[in-house]
Amino acid sequence: MPLALFDLDNTLVDRRSTYGNAVATLCRRRNFGPAVEQWLLTELVDRANLIDFARLRTAFDLDVSPEALWQEYTTLVAAAVTCRPAVMEGMARLRAASWTIGIVTNGASDIQRAKLTVTGLIDLVDGVAVSGDFEIRKPDPRLFELAAVRCGTTLAKGGWMIGDNPAADIGGGQQANMRTIWLRGRPWPDGLPAAHRVVDEVTDAICILLTETE
């Protein structure tokens, strides 16, 4: 069966609005001022982890543990995250077309797995590799290899990588000898070879994959 590996944040789910809503709610509940909220919006724009809330506590001398803040933030993100019905339907179509589907994502294990569970994406994939599980991050090709293994296959059989981050998703997929589909939006770095295909929406990428099996 052909293999498709998907990025999670800003590919299958909209992290930008989710994390912004979670930060706003956390600050409102904790009576944190605008300076704290802006710090969080800036520092968590690409990734979030427990250590970020330890740095926050130190920066603003907050009387609350980083662990409590991280748990609250994780819960708020899980409550806010969604996956569009069209994306869920597309993933279901890939499964029906006998694709092996995996997710390879950077991030802390607890928050990434919470997103997968709440959205229902976990029920539509064969395996998941989260950087927090292994302490390696995309674009390291080892994370892609581990994702394939967790899907019950190997990259020796080829596969596709779909994501929005040029360096992490496309560059990493290329290093892992995968074909790639880029969701345009971020600036493309100089010197990075072009993706095999470029689309505006992940649903467009799914349609490309489905034509591969027709």
Foldseek 3Di string as FASTA:
>chain_A
DAEEEEEPDPAQWDPLVLLLVLLVVLCVVVVNDPVLSVLCCVVPVPADDLVSLVVSCVVVVDPDHSVVSVVSSLVSSLVRMEGDPLSVVLLQVCVVLVYAYWYQYEYAPSSVVSNCVSHVVVVSHQFYQYCNVPVDAFLALVSVQVRQVSSVHGCVVEHEFEEADQRRTVVSCVVNVHQYEHQYDDDHDPPRDDGPYYDPHSSVVSVVVVVVSD
